[in-house]
Amino acid sequence: METLIEKISSDSLNKAKAILLDGGLVGMPTETVYGLSAIGTMPSAVKQIFEVKGRPADNPLIAHVHKDYDIEKLVYIEHDYIYKLKEKFMPGPLTLVFKSKGVICREAVCGGDTLAIRMPSHKGCQRLLRCVDMPLVAPSANVSKHTSPVTAEQVYCDLNGRIPLILDGGRCTGGIESTVLDVTESVPRILRAGLITREMITETVGACEIAQHKEGDKVKSPGVKYKHYRPKCETALFYADETEKAKELYNKTISENKKPYIMCQTGLKDNFNGYDVLDLGKTGEDMARNLYDKLLEGEKKADIIIAVAVDREDGVYLGVMNRLKKSCG
């Protein structure tokens, strides 16, 4: 199969629509990461997503819809605070988990009774969703457990020959996957942290919990059960007070005739003068935007990426640290 990358245009959108309606897969941009999309009411198409990615069969998918789509066709809205969340954060990098009406096929929800829904804010993605006017289920457009792609070229590196089309919507501005929020109970609960933070949700609806995932729990959200986001090279994670340990590993790697890179935020770079560094940026938002790009850059250069981070769990840092621990832990 030949895989094409095409800029988003009327022609490429019509081509994507034809592929999707025929039960095929299309790589699509969002503001967070690129997704591998299929029509969510087509079991055979959804099964292809799992096959192409090598994705575990119990890891559910998120349904993506355009901003004017009536989500009550798909799910039950049981709590008034949901309307406040929709008004404030959607379209955007927020996914809400509802009780499903069963319209989206069982393969997409892995046989569960809940459905995760998102309205991406990426203009090109919105154009695709309007063009198709059907829910598109999509995980990240990469081989399972590899680092998520934030450019069309990165999708191509993983999925060349496996899908017919990748829509090129430019580099993703968000950089990590959406916040996933369970809204089936009276208080919303974060299942996966992201760019919409606990503080932002609490300010909007008055309360927000963070789920504690345990072995054997029923999975309602992607990204919570398995090792994720890992580059193809070795990785290690140290915290800011473990700088000397990070340097020791760096120097040991060099002594073994291997190539190490330090990956850290700008504020920690001065600790590594003379070392090869992948700079994640200054703020939590910078780190989110750059993390996957730097991991994918590093895997091409290094035998090992040594991540050094300030262990924070406020704001966007909660999502960044979640990804760092899964990719470099």
C-alpha atoms as a PDB file:
ATOM      1  CA  MET A   1       0.000   0.000   0.000  1.00  0.00           C
ATOM      2  CA  GLU A   2       1.268   3.473  -0.915  1.00  0.00           C
ATOM      3  CA  THR A   3       0.936   6.060   1.851  1.00  0.00           C
ATOM      4  CA  LEU A   4       0.398   9.642   0.713  1.00  0.00           C
ATOM      5  CA  ILE A   5       0.860  12.822   2.749  1.00  0.00           C
ATOM      6  CA  GLU A   6      -1.372  15.626   1.512  1.00  0.00           C
ATOM      7  CA  LYS A   7      -1.929  19.147   2.788  1.00  0.00           C
ATOM      8  CA  ILE A   8      -5.488  19.797   3.889  1.00  0.00           C
ATOM      9  CA  SER A   9      -7.576  21.057   0.978  1.00  0.00           C
ATOM     10  CA  SER A  10     -11.003  20.422  -0.500  1.00  0.00           C
ATOM     11  CA  ASP A  11      -9.525  17.713  -2.705  1.00  0.00           C
ATOM     12  CA  SER A  12      -7.631  15.918   0.091  1.00  0.00           C
ATOM     13  CA  LEU A  13     -10.661  16.121   2.398  1.00  0.00           C
ATOM     14  CA  ASN A  14     -12.886  14.542  -0.235  1.00  0.00           C
ATOM     15  CA  LYS A  15     -10.253  11.835  -0.747  1.00  0.00           C
ATOM     16  CA  ALA A  16     -10.141  11.224   3.016  1.00  0.00           C
ATOM     17  CA  LYS A  17     -13.938  11.061   3.190  1.00  0.00           C
ATOM     18  CA  ALA A  18     -14.048   8.455   0.418  1.00  0.00           C
ATOM     19  CA  ILE A  19     -11.416   6.322   2.159  1.00  0.00           C
ATOM     20  CA  LEU A  20     -13.234   6.522   5.495  1.00  0.00           C
ATOM     21  CA  LEU A  21     -16.672   5.747   4.024  1.00  0.00           C
ATOM     22  CA  ASP A  22     -15.105   2.750   2.294  1.00  0.00           C
ATOM     23  CA  GLY A  23     -13.971   1.420   5.685  1.00  0.00           C
ATOM     24  CA  GLY A  24     -10.384   2.662   5.496  1.00  0.00           C
ATOM     25  CA  LEU A  25      -8.097   4.597   7.847  1.00  0.00           C
ATOM     26  CA  VAL A  26      -6.782   8.152   7.597  1.00  0.00           C
ATOM     27  CA  GLY A  27      -4.102   9.936   9.609  1.00  0.00           C
ATOM     28  CA  MET A  28      -5.548  13.228  10.825  1.00  0.00           C
ATOM     29  CA  PRO A  29      -4.123  16.232  12.677  1.00  0.00           C
ATOM     30  CA  THR A  30      -5.490  17.562  15.951  1.00  0.00           C
ATOM     31  CA  GLU A  31      -4.167  20.287  18.233  1.00  0.00           C
ATOM     32  CA  THR A  32      -2.725  17.645  20.592  1.00  0.00           C
ATOM     33  CA  VAL A  33      -1.203  14.798  18.525  1.00  0.00           C
ATOM     34  CA  TYR A  34      -1.973  13.188  15.157  1.00  0.00           C
ATOM     35  CA  GLY A  35      -4.738  10.583  15.225  1.00  0.00           C
ATOM     36  CA  LEU A  36      -5.425   7.400  13.245  1.00  0.00           C
ATOM     37  CA  SER A  37      -9.084   7.719  12.329  1.00  0.00           C
ATOM     38  CA  ALA A  38     -11.913   5.438  11.246  1.00  0.00           C
ATOM     39  CA  ILE A  39     -15.692   5.829  11.232  1.00  0.00           C
ATOM     40  CA  GLY A  40     -16.827   4.781  14.691  1.00  0.00           C
ATOM     41  CA  THR A  41     -19.916   2.888  13.544  1.00  0.00           C
ATOM     42  CA  MET A  42     -17.939   0.521  11.290  1.00  0.00           C
ATOM     43  CA  PRO A  43     -16.652  -2.488  13.268  1.00  0.00           C
ATOM     44  CA  SER A  44     -14.390  -3.718  10.459  1.00  0.00           C
ATOM     45  CA  ALA A  45     -12.750  -0.291  10.111  1.00  0.00           C
ATOM     46  CA  VAL A  46     -12.255   0.035  13.860  1.00  0.00           C
ATOM     47  CA  LYS A  47     -10.677  -3.420  14.008  1.00  0.00           C
ATOM     48  CA  GLN A  48      -8.143  -2.206  11.434  1.00  0.00           C
ATOM     49  CA  ILE A  49      -6.985   0.504  13.855  1.00  0.00           C
ATOM     50  CA  PHE A  50      -6.079  -2.112  16.434  1.00  0.00           C
ATOM     51  CA  GLU A  51      -4.376  -4.270  13.800  1.00  0.00           C
ATOM     52  CA  VAL A  52      -2.357  -1.458  12.193  1.00  0.00           C
ATOM     53  CA  LYS A  53      -1.163  -0.113  15.540  1.00  0.00           C
ATOM     54  CA  GLY A  54      -0.723  -3.450  17.297  1.00  0.00           C
ATOM     55  CA  ARG A  55      -2.956  -1.958  19.970  1.00  0.00           C
ATOM     56  CA  PRO A  56      -4.195  -4.094  22.907  1.00  0.00           C
ATOM     57  CA  ALA A  57      -7.836  -5.071  22.378  1.00  0.00           C
ATOM     58  CA  ASP A  58      -8.920  -3.734  25.802  1.00  0.00           C
ATOM     59  CA  ASN A  59      -7.653  -0.162  25.243  1.00  0.00           C
ATOM     60  CA  PRO A  60     -10.707   1.949  24.201  1.00  0.00           C
ATOM     61  CA  LEU A  61     -10.784   4.692  21.576  1.00  0.00           C
ATOM     62  CA  ILE A  62     -12.001   8.289  21.656  1.00  0.00           C
ATOM     63  CA  ALA A  63     -14.778   9.467  19.327  1.00  0.00           C
ATOM     64  CA  HIS A  64     -14.063  12.818  17.630  1.00  0.00           C
ATOM     65  CA  VAL A  65     -16.903  15.056  16.438  1.00  0.00           C
ATOM     66  CA  HIS A  66     -17.231  18.570  15.003  1.00  0.00           C
ATOM     67  CA  LYS A  67     -18.275  21.390  17.285  1.00  0.00           C
ATOM     68  CA  ASP A  68     -21.918  21.476  16.159  1.00  0.00           C
ATOM     69  CA  TYR A  69     -22.444  17.721  16.379  1.00  0.00           C
ATOM     70  CA  ASP A  70     -25.213  16.682  18.784  1.00  0.00           C
ATOM     71  CA  ILE A  71     -23.356  14.374  21.159  1.00  0.00           C
ATOM     72  CA  GLU A  72     -26.647  13.311  22.757  1.00  0.00           C
ATOM     73  CA  LYS A  73     -27.053  11.067  19.709  1.00  0.00           C
ATOM     74  CA  LEU A  74     -24.184   9.061  21.174  1.00  0.00           C
ATOM     75  CA  VAL A  75     -24.252   9.445  24.968  1.00  0.00           C
ATOM     76  CA  TYR A  76     -26.338  10.291  28.020  1.00  0.00           C
ATOM     77  CA  ILE A  77     -25.653  13.681  29.631  1.00  0.00           C
ATOM     78  CA  GLU A  78     -26.545  13.081  33.268  1.00  0.00           C
ATOM     79  CA  HIS A  79     -25.114  16.085  35.162  1.00  0.00           C
ATOM     80  CA  ASP A  80     -25.620  19.833  34.693  1.00  0.00           C
ATOM     81  CA  TYR A  81     -21.926  20.652  35.239  1.00  0.00           C
ATOM     82  CA  ILE A  82     -21.159  18.986  31.892  1.00  0.00           C
ATOM     83  CA  TYR A  83     -22.752  21.900  30.038  1.00  0.00           C
ATOM     84  CA  LYS A  84     -20.357  24.307  31.780  1.00  0.00           C
ATOM     85  CA  LEU A  85     -17.395  22.169  30.759  1.00  0.00           C
ATOM     86  CA  LYS A  86     -18.581  22.012  27.151  1.00  0.00           C
ATOM     87  CA  GLU A  87     -19.091  25.765  26.979  1.00  0.00           C
ATOM     88  CA  LYS A  88     -15.694  26.535  28.508  1.00  0.00           C
ATOM     89  CA  PHE A  89     -13.371  23.929  26.979  1.00  0.00           C
ATOM     90  CA  MET A  90     -14.924  22.437  23.851  1.00  0.00           C
ATOM     91  CA  PRO A  91     -13.710  22.486  21.156  1.00  0.00           C
ATOM     92  CA  GLY A  92     -10.314  21.916  22.743  1.00  0.00           C
ATOM     93  CA  PRO A  93      -7.999  19.353  24.328  1.00  0.00           C
ATOM     94  CA  LEU A  94     -10.641  17.907  26.665  1.00  0.00           C
ATOM     95  CA  THR A  95     -12.233  14.463  26.335  1.00  0.00           C
ATOM     96  CA  LEU A  96     -15.373  13.635  28.312  1.00  0.00           C
ATOM     97  CA  VAL A  97     -16.351  10.073  29.217  1.00  0.00           C
ATOM     98  CA  PHE A  98     -20.119   9.438  29.266  1.00  0.00           C
ATOM     99  CA  LYS A  99     -22.443   6.470  29.497  1.00  0.00           C
ATOM    100  CA  SER A 100     -22.820   5.288  25.911  1.00  0.00           C
ATOM    101  CA  LYS A 101     -26.048   4.839  23.948  1.00  0.00           C
ATOM    102  CA  GLY A 102     -24.362   2.074  21.958  1.00  0.00           C
ATOM    103  CA  VAL A 103     -24.210   3.897  18.616  1.00  0.00           C
ATOM    104  CA  ILE A 104     -20.419   3.668  18.416  1.00  0.00           C
ATOM    105  CA  CYS A 105     -19.469   0.047  17.844  1.00  0.00           C
ATOM    106  CA  ARG A 106     -18.413  -2.253  20.677  1.00  0.00           C
ATOM    107  CA  GLU A 107     -14.980  -2.707  19.119  1.00  0.00           C
ATOM    108  CA  ALA A 108     -14.222   0.985  19.733  1.00  0.00           C
ATOM    109  CA  VAL A 109     -15.268   0.932  23.399  1.00  0.00           C
ATOM    110  CA  CYS A 110     -13.783  -2.542  23.947  1.00  0.00           C
ATOM    111  CA  GLY A 111     -17.151  -3.902  25.035  1.00  0.00           C
ATOM    112  CA  GLY A 112     -17.603  -1.278  27.768  1.00  0.00           C
ATOM    113  CA  ASP A 113     -20.665   0.819  28.531  1.00  0.00           C
ATOM    114  CA  THR A 114     -18.952   4.230  28.382  1.00  0.00           C
ATOM    115  CA  LEU A 115     -17.816   6.378  25.453  1.00  0.00           C
ATOM    116  CA  ALA A 116     -15.126   9.067  25.381  1.00  0.00           C
ATOM    117  CA  ILE A 117     -15.925  12.089  23.172  1.00  0.00           C
ATOM    118  CA  ARG A 118     -13.746  14.986  22.044  1.00  0.00           C
ATOM    119  CA  MET A 119     -14.182  18.039  19.818  1.00  0.00           C
ATOM    120  CA  PRO A 120     -10.717  18.978  18.516  1.00  0.00           C
ATOM    121  CA  SER A 121     -10.040  22.688  18.033  1.00  0.00           C
ATOM    122  CA  HIS A 122      -7.652  22.120  15.109  1.00  0.00           C
ATOM    123  CA  LYS A 123      -9.263  23.868  12.115  1.00  0.00           C
ATOM    124  CA  GLY A 124      -8.190  21.208   9.622  1.00  0.00           C
ATOM    125  CA  CYS A 125      -9.557  18.440  11.809  1.00  0.00           C
ATOM    126  CA  GLN A 126     -12.841  20.310  12.187  1.00  0.00           C
ATOM    127  CA  ARG A 127     -13.033  20.551   8.384  1.00  0.00           C
ATOM    128  CA  LEU A 128     -12.552  16.785   8.086  1.00  0.00           C
ATOM    129  CA  LEU A 129     -15.150  16.051  10.772  1.00  0.00           C
ATOM    130  CA  ARG A 130     -17.679  18.335   9.072  1.00  0.00           C
ATOM    131  CA  CYS A 131     -16.903  16.828   5.674  1.00  0.00           C
ATOM    132  CA  VAL A 132     -17.573  13.292   6.936  1.00  0.00           C
ATOM    133  CA  ASP A 133     -20.247  14.395   9.476  1.00  0.00           C
ATOM    134  CA  MET A 134     -19.866  11.147  11.387  1.00  0.00           C
ATOM    135  CA  PRO A 135     -17.950  10.377  14.601  1.00  0.00           C
ATOM    136  CA  LEU A 136     -14.357   9.365  13.889  1.00  0.00           C
ATOM    137  CA  VAL A 137     -12.699   7.182  16.508  1.00  0.00           C
ATOM    138  CA  ALA A 138      -8.971   7.715  16.721  1.00  0.00           C
ATOM    139  CA  PRO A 139      -6.015   6.871  18.936  1.00  0.00           C
ATOM    140  CA  SER A 140      -2.606   8.427  18.266  1.00  0.00           C
ATOM    141  CA  ALA A 141      -1.291   7.662  14.763  1.00  0.00           C
ATOM    142  CA  ASN A 142       1.726   5.557  15.702  1.00  0.00           C
ATOM    143  CA  VAL A 143       2.707   1.985  16.417  1.00  0.00           C
ATOM    144  CA  SER A 144       1.374   1.060  19.857  1.00  0.00           C
ATOM    145  CA  LYS A 145       3.552   2.179  22.797  1.00  0.00           C
ATOM    146  CA  HIS A 146       5.837   4.273  20.574  1.00  0.00           C
ATOM    147  CA  THR A 147       6.063   8.046  21.073  1.00  0.00           C
ATOM    148  CA  SER A 148       2.987   9.862  19.755  1.00  0.00           C
ATOM    149  CA  PRO A 149       3.468  11.874  16.530  1.00  0.00           C
ATOM    150  CA  VAL A 150       3.104  15.646  16.334  1.00  0.00           C
ATOM    151  CA  THR A 151       3.859  16.016  12.599  1.00  0.00           C
ATOM    152  CA  ALA A 152       2.594  14.240   9.484  1.00  0.00           C
ATOM    153  CA  GLU A 153       6.149  13.090   8.746  1.00  0.00           C
ATOM    154  CA  GLN A 154       6.349  11.364  12.132  1.00  0.00           C
ATOM    155  CA  VAL A 155       3.114   9.513  11.343  1.00  0.00           C
ATOM    156  CA  TYR A 156       4.643   8.439   8.028  1.00  0.00           C
ATOM    157  CA  CYS A 157       7.737   7.049   9.788  1.00  0.00           C
ATOM    158  CA  ASP A 158       5.554   4.658  11.802  1.00  0.00           C
ATOM    159  CA  LEU A 159       2.695   3.872   9.428  1.00  0.00           C
ATOM    160  CA  ASN A 160       4.142   4.089   5.911  1.00  0.00           C
ATOM    161  CA  GLY A 161       2.633   1.265   3.862  1.00  0.00           C
ATOM    162  CA  ARG A 162      -0.071   0.570   6.443  1.00  0.00           C
ATOM    163  CA  ILE A 163      -2.570   3.369   5.666  1.00  0.00           C
ATOM    164  CA  PRO A 164      -3.420   5.144   2.389  1.00  0.00           C
ATOM    165  CA  LEU A 165      -3.507   8.800   3.468  1.00  0.00           C
ATOM    166  CA  ILE A 166      -2.138  11.214   6.065  1.00  0.00           C
ATOM    167  CA  LEU A 167      -3.669  14.690   6.145  1.00  0.00           C
ATOM    168  CA  ASP A 168      -0.945  17.229   6.890  1.00  0.00           C
ATOM    169  CA  GLY A 169      -2.239  19.946   9.203  1.00  0.00           C
ATOM    170  CA  GLY A 170       1.176  21.191  10.369  1.00  0.00           C
ATOM    171  CA  ARG A 171       2.894  20.635  13.691  1.00  0.00           C
ATOM    172  CA  CYS A 172       0.555  20.054  16.631  1.00  0.00           C
ATOM    173  CA  THR A 173       0.499  23.007  19.005  1.00  0.00           C
ATOM    174  CA  GLY A 174      -0.531  21.159  22.183  1.00  0.00           C
ATOM    175  CA  GLY A 175       1.918  18.289  22.058  1.00  0.00           C
ATOM    176  CA  ILE A 176       0.423  15.810  24.545  1.00  0.00           C
ATOM    177  CA  GLU A 177      -2.884  13.975  24.409  1.00  0.00           C
ATOM    178  CA  SER A 178      -6.110  15.515  25.696  1.00  0.00           C
ATOM    179  CA  THR A 179      -7.207  15.528  29.303  1.00  0.00           C
ATOM    180  CA  VAL A 180      -9.710  12.684  29.778  1.00  0.00           C
ATOM    181  CA  LEU A 181     -12.448  13.457  32.303  1.00  0.00           C
ATOM    182  CA  ASP A 182     -14.999  10.955  33.603  1.00  0.00           C
ATOM    183  CA  VAL A 183     -18.340  12.771  33.849  1.00  0.00           C
ATOM    184  CA  THR A 184     -20.519   9.782  34.742  1.00  0.00           C
ATOM    185  CA  GLU A 185     -20.591  10.708  38.443  1.00  0.00           C
ATOM    186  CA  SER A 186     -21.628  13.806  40.427  1.00  0.00           C
ATOM    187  CA  VAL A 187     -18.002  15.037  40.605  1.00  0.00           C
ATOM    188  CA  PRO A 188     -15.806  14.942  37.465  1.00  0.00           C
ATOM    189  CA  ARG A 189     -12.709  12.752  37.691  1.00  0.00           C
ATOM    190  CA  ILE A 190      -9.501  13.044  35.666  1.00  0.00           C
ATOM    191  CA  LEU A 191      -8.574   9.697  34.105  1.00  0.00           C
ATOM    192  CA  ARG A 192      -5.660  11.083  32.076  1.00  0.00           C
ATOM    193  CA  ALA A 193      -4.050  14.463  32.762  1.00  0.00           C
ATOM    194  CA  GLY A 194      -3.420  16.907  29.928  1.00  0.00           C
ATOM    195  CA  LEU A 195      -3.554  20.559  28.913  1.00  0.00           C
ATOM    196  CA  ILE A 196      -6.940  21.208  30.572  1.00  0.00           C
ATOM    197  CA  THR A 197      -5.828  21.072  34.182  1.00  0.00           C
ATOM    198  CA  ARG A 198      -7.480  20.092  37.423  1.00  0.00           C
ATOM    199  CA  GLU A 199      -7.280  23.727  38.534  1.00  0.00           C
ATOM    200  CA  MET A 200      -9.086  24.904  35.374  1.00  0.00           C
ATOM    201  CA  ILE A 201     -11.828  22.305  35.798  1.00  0.00           C
ATOM    202  CA  THR A 202     -12.286  23.080  39.507  1.00  0.00           C
ATOM    203  CA  GLU A 203     -12.562  26.797  38.764  1.00  0.00           C
ATOM    204  CA  THR A 204     -15.273  26.061  36.196  1.00  0.00           C
ATOM    205  CA  VAL A 205     -17.442  23.491  38.004  1.00  0.00           C
ATOM    206  CA  GLY A 206     -16.346  23.722  41.656  1.00  0.00           C
ATOM    207  CA  ALA A 207     -14.674  20.332  42.147  1.00  0.00           C
ATOM    208  CA  CYS A 208     -12.511  17.800  40.363  1.00  0.00           C
ATOM    209  CA  GLU A 209     -10.972  14.507  41.476  1.00  0.00           C
ATOM    210  CA  ILE A 210      -8.030  12.566  40.090  1.00  0.00           C
ATOM    211  CA  ALA A 211      -8.544   8.855  39.502  1.00  0.00           C
ATOM    212  CA  GLN A 212      -6.235   6.362  41.157  1.00  0.00           C
ATOM    213  CA  HIS A 213      -5.917   3.512  38.677  1.00  0.00           C
ATOM    214  CA  LYS A 214      -5.609   0.055  40.191  1.00  0.00           C
ATOM    215  CA  GLU A 215      -4.818  -3.357  38.755  1.00  0.00           C
ATOM    216  CA  GLY A 216      -7.998  -4.962  37.450  1.00  0.00           C
ATOM    217  CA  ASP A 217      -9.915  -1.675  37.074  1.00  0.00           C
ATOM    218  CA  LYS A 218     -12.270  -1.437  34.111  1.00  0.00           C
ATOM    219  CA  VAL A 219     -10.528   0.802  31.571  1.00  0.00           C
ATOM    220  CA  LYS A 220     -12.543   3.878  30.521  1.00  0.00           C
ATOM    221  CA  SER A 221      -9.705   5.874  28.986  1.00  0.00           C
ATOM    222  CA  PRO A 222      -6.720   5.265  26.718  1.00  0.00           C
ATOM    223  CA  GLY A 223      -3.254   5.922  28.093  1.00  0.00           C
ATOM    224  CA  VAL A 224      -3.764   4.598  31.621  1.00  0.00           C
ATOM    225  CA  LYS A 225      -2.973   0.890  31.542  1.00  0.00           C
ATOM    226  CA  TYR A 226       0.111   0.186  29.458  1.00  0.00           C
ATOM    227  CA  LYS A 227       3.595   1.579  28.910  1.00  0.00           C
ATOM    228  CA  HIS A 228       3.196   4.407  26.443  1.00  0.00           C
ATOM    229  CA  TYR A 229       5.001   7.120  24.517  1.00  0.00           C
ATOM    230  CA  ARG A 230       8.399   5.351  24.498  1.00  0.00           C
ATOM    231  CA  PRO A 231      11.111   6.231  21.953  1.00  0.00           C
ATOM    232  CA  LYS A 232      13.049   3.454  20.254  1.00  0.00           C
ATOM    233  CA  CYS A 233      16.257   4.167  22.187  1.00  0.00           C
ATOM    234  CA  GLU A 234      16.881   3.486  25.878  1.00  0.00           C
ATOM    235  CA  THR A 235      15.565   6.005  28.410  1.00  0.00           C
ATOM    236  CA  ALA A 236      16.102   6.962  32.036  1.00  0.00           C
ATOM    237  CA  LEU A 237      14.376   9.476  34.308  1.00  0.00           C
ATOM    238  CA  PHE A 238      15.934  11.476  37.133  1.00  0.00           C
ATOM    239  CA  TYR A 239      14.590  14.362  39.155  1.00  0.00           C
ATOM    240  CA  ALA A 240      16.220  17.767  39.596  1.00  0.00           C
ATOM    241  CA  ASP A 241      17.908  16.769  42.884  1.00  0.00           C
ATOM    242  CA  GLU A 242      19.492  13.761  41.129  1.00  0.00           C
ATOM    243  CA  THR A 243      21.603  15.784  38.691  1.00  0.00           C
ATOM    244  CA  GLU A 244      24.837  14.059  39.676  1.00  0.00           C
ATOM    245  CA  LYS A 245      23.299  10.620  39.062  1.00  0.00           C
ATOM    246  CA  ALA A 246      22.185  11.764  35.609  1.00  0.00           C
ATOM    247  CA  LYS A 247      25.717  12.975  34.854  1.00  0.00           C
ATOM    248  CA  GLU A 248      27.174   9.675  36.054  1.00  0.00           C
ATOM    249  CA  LEU A 249      24.932   7.740  33.667  1.00  0.00           C
ATOM    250  CA  TYR A 250      25.782  10.149  30.834  1.00  0.00           C
ATOM    251  CA  ASN A 251      29.526   9.679  31.366  1.00  0.00           C
ATOM    252  CA  LYS A 252      29.171   5.917  31.802  1.00  0.00           C
ATOM    253  CA  THR A 253      27.340   5.750  28.477  1.00  0.00           C
ATOM    254  CA  ILE A 254      30.156   7.647  26.754  1.00  0.00           C
ATOM    255  CA  SER A 255      32.722   5.292  28.297  1.00  0.00           C
ATOM    256  CA  GLU A 256      30.819   2.425  26.627  1.00  0.00           C
ATOM    257  CA  ASN A 257      31.181   4.165  23.227  1.00  0.00           C
ATOM    258  CA  LYS A 258      27.476   4.968  23.135  1.00  0.00           C
ATOM    259  CA  LYS A 259      25.750   8.311  22.552  1.00  0.00           C
ATOM    260  CA  PRO A 260      23.716   9.894  25.401  1.00  0.00           C
ATOM    261  CA  TYR A 261      21.521  12.999  25.418  1.00  0.00           C
ATOM    262  CA  ILE A 262      20.195  14.893  28.415  1.00  0.00           C
ATOM    263  CA  MET A 263      16.571  16.034  28.059  1.00  0.00           C
ATOM    264  CA  CYS A 264      15.434  18.769  30.449  1.00  0.00           C
ATOM    265  CA  GLN A 265      13.583  22.055  30.708  1.00  0.00           C
ATOM    266  CA  THR A 266      15.427  25.312  30.082  1.00  0.00           C
ATOM    267  CA  GLY A 267      15.763  26.112  33.795  1.00  0.00           C
ATOM    268  CA  LEU A 268      17.909  23.005  34.359  1.00  0.00           C
ATOM    269  CA  LYS A 269      20.226  23.426  31.342  1.00  0.00           C
ATOM    270  CA  ASP A 270      22.892  25.300  33.298  1.00  0.00           C
ATOM    271  CA  ASN A 271      23.504  22.108  35.273  1.00  0.00           C
ATOM    272  CA  PHE A 272      24.622  20.414  32.061  1.00  0.00           C
ATOM    273  CA  ASN A 273      27.054  22.816  30.406  1.00  0.00           C
ATOM    274  CA  GLY A 274      29.184  20.842  27.961  1.00  0.00           C
ATOM    275  CA  TYR A 275      26.607  18.056  27.652  1.00  0.00           C
ATOM    276  CA  ASP A 276      24.405  17.374  24.625  1.00  0.00           C
ATOM    277  CA  VAL A 277      20.947  18.588  25.660  1.00  0.00           C
ATOM    278  CA  LEU A 278      17.428  18.341  24.256  1.00  0.00           C
ATOM    279  CA  ASP A 279      15.726  21.501  25.577  1.00  0.00           C
ATOM    280  CA  LEU A 280      12.038  21.088  26.462  1.00  0.00           C
ATOM    281  CA  GLY A 281      11.434  24.817  27.014  1.00  0.00           C
ATOM    282  CA  LYS A 282      10.650  27.043  29.995  1.00  0.00           C
ATOM    283  CA  THR A 283       7.035  26.437  31.031  1.00  0.00           C
ATOM    284  CA  GLY A 284       4.793  23.430  31.520  1.00  0.00           C
ATOM    285  CA  GLU A 285       3.035  24.332  28.266  1.00  0.00           C
ATOM    286  CA  ASP A 286       6.400  24.500  26.468  1.00  0.00           C
ATOM    287  CA  MET A 287       7.336  21.087  27.842  1.00  0.00           C
ATOM    288  CA  ALA A 288       4.028  19.587  26.728  1.00  0.00           C
ATOM    289  CA  ARG A 289       4.393  21.068  23.233  1.00  0.00           C
ATOM    290  CA  ASN A 290       8.009  19.867  22.827  1.00  0.00           C
ATOM    291  CA  LEU A 291       8.122  16.552  24.700  1.00  0.00           C
ATOM    292  CA  TYR A 292       7.214  14.080  21.943  1.00  0.00           C
ATOM    293  CA  ASP A 293       9.082  16.049  19.299  1.00  0.00           C
ATOM    294  CA  LYS A 294      12.259  15.905  21.400  1.00  0.00           C
ATOM    295  CA  LEU A 295      11.821  12.212  22.200  1.00  0.00           C
ATOM    296  CA  LEU A 296      11.465  11.447  18.485  1.00  0.00           C
ATOM    297  CA  GLU A 297      14.424  13.691  17.662  1.00  0.00           C
ATOM    298  CA  GLY A 298      16.479  12.046  20.386  1.00  0.00           C
ATOM    299  CA  GLU A 299      15.791   8.477  19.266  1.00  0.00           C
ATOM    300  CA  LYS A 300      17.462   9.287  15.939  1.00  0.00           C
ATOM    301  CA  LYS A 301      20.596  10.674  17.631  1.00  0.00           C
ATOM    302  CA  ALA A 302      21.042   8.838  20.894  1.00  0.00           C
ATOM    303  CA  ASP A 303      21.530   5.393  22.357  1.00  0.00           C
ATOM    304  CA  ILE A 304      19.920   6.698  25.547  1.00  0.00           C
ATOM    305  CA  ILE A 305      17.839   9.759  26.478  1.00  0.00           C
ATOM    306  CA  ILE A 306      18.413  10.782  30.097  1.00  0.00           C
ATOM    307  CA  ALA A 307      15.443  12.895  31.194  1.00  0.00           C
ATOM    308  CA  VAL A 308      15.886  15.244  34.161  1.00  0.00           C
ATOM    309  CA  ALA A 309      12.735  16.899  35.502  1.00  0.00           C
ATOM    310  CA  VAL A 310      11.265  18.883  38.362  1.00  0.00           C
ATOM    311  CA  ASP A 311       8.640  16.538  39.831  1.00  0.00           C
ATOM    312  CA  ARG A 312       5.571  18.782  39.948  1.00  0.00           C
ATOM    313  CA  GLU A 313       1.919  17.803  39.909  1.00  0.00           C
ATOM    314  CA  ASP A 314       0.260  21.205  39.499  1.00  0.00           C
ATOM    315  CA  GLY A 315      -1.212  22.586  36.308  1.00  0.00           C
ATOM    316  CA  VAL A 316       0.053  21.194  33.013  1.00  0.00           C
ATOM    317  CA  TYR A 317       3.031  19.619  34.811  1.00  0.00           C
ATOM    318  CA  LEU A 318       0.738  16.807  35.986  1.00  0.00           C
ATOM    319  CA  GLY A 319       0.189  15.737  32.375  1.00  0.00           C
ATOM    320  CA  VAL A 320       3.819  16.282  31.390  1.00  0.00           C
ATOM    321  CA  MET A 321       5.094  14.203  34.300  1.00  0.00           C
ATOM    322  CA  ASN A 322       2.565  11.465  33.524  1.00  0.00           C
ATOM    323  CA  ARG A 323       4.018  11.211  29.987  1.00  0.00           C
ATOM    324  CA  LEU A 324       7.623  11.454  31.185  1.00  0.00           C
ATOM    325  CA  LYS A 325       7.154   8.672  33.709  1.00  0.00           C
ATOM    326  CA  LYS A 326       5.565   6.413  31.082  1.00  0.00           C
ATOM    327  CA  SER A 327       8.119   7.211  28.367  1.00  0.00           C
ATOM    328  CA  CYS A 328      11.298   7.435  30.453  1.00  0.00           C
ATOM    329  CA  GLY A 329      10.441   5.868  33.801  1.00  0.00           C
END
